[in-house]
Amino acid sequence: MKLSTRNVIKGKVLEIKEGTVAAKVKVDIGAGNVVTAMITVEAVKELALKTGDQVNVLVKATSVMLMKE
């Protein structure tokens, strides 16, 4: 599969919390860093995701914002 996304980070699924429609998936990307993705419960099932799975985190956004007070 070819994708235009250039920000690809390998990681391991730490936790999956399923809601009614969306699921919060926490992925350990190393060095104490965790990325949290919100995806559909349907996607979790289609990908057969489970804790401990090796995954690729793909980031494609038109903007990324940070704020510090």
N, C-alpha and C. Protein backbone atom coordinates (compact mmCIF):
# COMPACT_ATOMS: atom_id res chain seq x y z
N MET A 1 0.84 -1.17 0.00
CA MET A 1 0.00 0.00 0.00
C MET A 1 0.88 1.23 0.00
N LYS A 2 0.58 2.19 -0.85
CA LYS A 2 1.32 3.44 -0.90
C LYS A 2 0.44 4.55 -0.36
N LEU A 3 1.05 5.42 0.44
CA LEU A 3 0.33 6.55 1.03
C LEU A 3 1.14 7.82 0.83
N SER A 4 0.46 8.95 0.82
CA SER A 4 1.16 10.23 0.69
C SER A 4 1.64 10.74 2.05
N THR A 5 1.17 10.15 3.11
CA THR A 5 1.55 10.57 4.45
C THR A 5 3.05 10.37 4.68
N ARG A 6 3.73 11.39 5.14
CA ARG A 6 5.18 11.30 5.37
C ARG A 6 5.53 11.09 6.84
N ASN A 7 4.60 11.40 7.73
CA ASN A 7 4.86 11.26 9.16
C ASN A 7 4.35 9.90 9.64
N VAL A 8 5.21 8.91 9.60
CA VAL A 8 4.87 7.55 10.00
C VAL A 8 5.77 7.16 11.18
N ILE A 9 5.12 6.78 12.29
CA ILE A 9 5.86 6.45 13.51
C ILE A 9 5.45 5.05 13.95
N LYS A 10 6.42 4.19 14.14
CA LYS A 10 6.14 2.83 14.60
C LYS A 10 5.88 2.84 16.10
N GLY A 11 4.97 1.98 16.55
CA GLY A 11 4.66 1.92 17.96
C GLY A 11 3.93 0.64 18.34
N LYS A 12 3.59 0.57 19.63
CA LYS A 12 2.92 -0.61 20.18
C LYS A 12 1.66 -0.16 20.92
N VAL A 13 0.54 -0.81 20.66
CA VAL A 13 -0.72 -0.45 21.30
C VAL A 13 -0.64 -0.74 22.80
N LEU A 14 -0.87 0.31 23.60
CA LEU A 14 -0.85 0.17 25.06
C LEU A 14 -2.23 -0.09 25.62
N GLU A 15 -3.23 0.59 25.03
CA GLU A 15 -4.57 0.55 25.61
C GLU A 15 -5.61 0.91 24.54
N ILE A 16 -6.75 0.26 24.63
CA ILE A 16 -7.88 0.59 23.76
C ILE A 16 -9.10 0.75 24.65
N LYS A 17 -9.72 1.94 24.59
CA LYS A 17 -10.96 2.19 25.33
C LYS A 17 -12.06 2.47 24.32
N GLU A 18 -12.98 1.51 24.21
CA GLU A 18 -14.07 1.64 23.25
C GLU A 18 -15.26 2.33 23.87
N GLY A 19 -15.82 3.28 23.14
CA GLY A 19 -17.07 3.91 23.50
C GLY A 19 -18.16 3.35 22.61
N THR A 20 -19.25 4.08 22.47
CA THR A 20 -20.34 3.64 21.63
C THR A 20 -19.97 3.69 20.15
N VAL A 21 -19.34 4.80 19.75
CA VAL A 21 -18.99 5.00 18.34
C VAL A 21 -17.49 5.12 18.13
N ALA A 22 -16.81 5.79 19.07
CA ALA A 22 -15.37 6.05 18.92
C ALA A 22 -14.57 5.25 19.95
N ALA A 23 -13.31 5.04 19.61
CA ALA A 23 -12.38 4.35 20.50
C ALA A 23 -11.13 5.21 20.66
N LYS A 24 -10.58 5.22 21.88
CA LYS A 24 -9.34 5.92 22.17
C LYS A 24 -8.25 4.86 22.21
N VAL A 25 -7.27 5.00 21.32
CA VAL A 25 -6.18 4.03 21.23
C VAL A 25 -4.87 4.72 21.61
N LYS A 26 -4.23 4.24 22.67
CA LYS A 26 -2.95 4.79 23.10
C LYS A 26 -1.83 3.92 22.55
N VAL A 27 -0.84 4.59 21.93
CA VAL A 27 0.26 3.88 21.29
C VAL A 27 1.59 4.39 21.84
N ASP A 28 2.41 3.47 22.34
CA ASP A 28 3.75 3.80 22.84
C ASP A 28 4.67 3.91 21.62
N ILE A 29 5.24 5.11 21.42
CA ILE A 29 6.13 5.31 20.27
C ILE A 29 7.59 5.38 20.70
N GLY A 30 7.86 5.01 21.93
CA GLY A 30 9.22 4.93 22.42
C GLY A 30 9.67 6.16 23.19
N ALA A 31 10.74 6.00 23.94
CA ALA A 31 11.36 7.07 24.73
C ALA A 31 10.37 7.73 25.68
N GLY A 32 9.41 6.94 26.18
CA GLY A 32 8.42 7.46 27.12
C GLY A 32 7.32 8.28 26.49
N ASN A 33 7.20 8.25 25.17
CA ASN A 33 6.18 9.03 24.45
C ASN A 33 5.00 8.16 24.04
N VAL A 34 3.80 8.71 24.24
CA VAL A 34 2.57 8.01 23.89
C VAL A 34 1.73 8.91 23.01
N VAL A 35 1.23 8.36 21.91
CA VAL A 35 0.32 9.06 21.01
C VAL A 35 -1.06 8.46 21.22
N THR A 36 -2.08 9.33 21.32
CA THR A 36 -3.45 8.87 21.46
C THR A 36 -4.21 9.18 20.18
N ALA A 37 -4.86 8.17 19.63
CA ALA A 37 -5.65 8.34 18.41
C ALA A 37 -7.11 8.04 18.72
N MET A 38 -8.00 8.86 18.18
CA MET A 38 -9.44 8.60 18.26
C MET A 38 -9.86 8.04 16.91
N ILE A 39 -10.33 6.81 16.92
CA ILE A 39 -10.78 6.17 15.69
C ILE A 39 -12.14 5.53 15.97
N THR A 40 -12.82 5.10 14.92
CA THR A 40 -14.12 4.49 15.13
C THR A 40 -13.96 3.09 15.73
N VAL A 41 -14.99 2.66 16.45
CA VAL A 41 -15.01 1.30 16.98
C VAL A 41 -15.00 0.31 15.81
N GLU A 42 -15.66 0.67 14.72
CA GLU A 42 -15.67 -0.17 13.53
C GLU A 42 -14.25 -0.38 13.00
N ALA A 43 -13.42 0.68 13.02
CA ALA A 43 -12.03 0.56 12.56
C ALA A 43 -11.23 -0.36 13.48
N VAL A 44 -11.47 -0.26 14.79
CA VAL A 44 -10.78 -1.16 15.75
C VAL A 44 -11.08 -2.60 15.39
N LYS A 45 -12.35 -2.87 15.11
CA LYS A 45 -12.76 -4.24 14.77
C LYS A 45 -12.20 -4.68 13.41
N GLU A 46 -12.26 -3.81 12.41
CA GLU A 46 -11.75 -4.16 11.08
C GLU A 46 -10.25 -4.43 11.10
N LEU A 47 -9.52 -3.66 11.93
CA LEU A 47 -8.07 -3.86 12.05
C LEU A 47 -7.72 -4.98 13.04
N ALA A 48 -8.73 -5.48 13.75
CA ALA A 48 -8.53 -6.50 14.80
C ALA A 48 -7.47 -6.04 15.79
N LEU A 49 -7.55 -4.76 16.18
CA LEU A 49 -6.56 -4.20 17.10
C LEU A 49 -6.70 -4.78 18.48
N LYS A 50 -5.56 -5.02 19.11
CA LYS A 50 -5.55 -5.46 20.51
C LYS A 50 -4.28 -4.94 21.18
N THR A 51 -4.33 -4.86 22.48
CA THR A 51 -3.18 -4.41 23.25
C THR A 51 -1.96 -5.27 22.90
N GLY A 52 -0.83 -4.60 22.70
CA GLY A 52 0.41 -5.30 22.37
C GLY A 52 0.70 -5.36 20.88
N ASP A 53 -0.29 -5.04 20.05
CA ASP A 53 -0.07 -5.05 18.59
C ASP A 53 0.95 -3.99 18.19
N GLN A 54 1.77 -4.32 17.21
CA GLN A 54 2.67 -3.35 16.59
C GLN A 54 1.87 -2.64 15.50
N VAL A 55 1.92 -1.32 15.51
CA VAL A 55 1.17 -0.52 14.53
C VAL A 55 2.03 0.62 14.02
N ASN A 56 1.57 1.24 12.96
CA ASN A 56 2.18 2.46 12.45
C ASN A 56 1.20 3.59 12.71
N VAL A 57 1.68 4.67 13.32
CA VAL A 57 0.88 5.86 13.54
C VAL A 57 1.16 6.79 12.36
N LEU A 58 0.10 7.16 11.64
CA LEU A 58 0.23 8.03 10.48
C LEU A 58 -0.37 9.39 10.84
N VAL A 59 0.42 10.45 10.67
CA VAL A 59 -0.04 11.79 11.02
C VAL A 59 -0.07 12.63 9.76
N LYS A 60 -1.26 13.11 9.42
CA LYS A 60 -1.40 14.02 8.28
C LYS A 60 -2.41 15.08 8.70
N ALA A 61 -1.95 16.29 8.84
CA ALA A 61 -2.82 17.36 9.29
C ALA A 61 -2.47 18.65 8.57
N THR A 62 -3.46 19.48 8.38
CA THR A 62 -3.19 20.78 7.76
C THR A 62 -2.64 21.76 8.78
N SER A 63 -2.89 21.47 10.06
CA SER A 63 -2.32 22.33 11.09
C SER A 63 -2.18 21.55 12.39
N VAL A 64 -1.16 21.89 13.14
CA VAL A 64 -0.94 21.34 14.47
C VAL A 64 -0.75 22.53 15.39
N MET A 65 -1.52 22.58 16.47
CA MET A 65 -1.46 23.73 17.35
C MET A 65 -0.96 23.35 18.74
N LEU A 66 -0.21 24.24 19.35
CA LEU A 66 0.24 24.10 20.72
C LEU A 66 -0.09 25.39 21.47
N MET A 67 -0.35 25.26 22.77
CA MET A 67 -0.60 26.44 23.59
C MET A 67 0.00 26.22 24.95
N LYS A 68 0.62 27.26 25.48
CA LYS A 68 1.17 27.20 26.82
C LYS A 68 0.86 28.53 27.50
N GLU A 69 0.33 28.44 28.69
CA GLU A 69 0.01 29.67 29.43
C GLU A 69 1.05 29.92 30.48
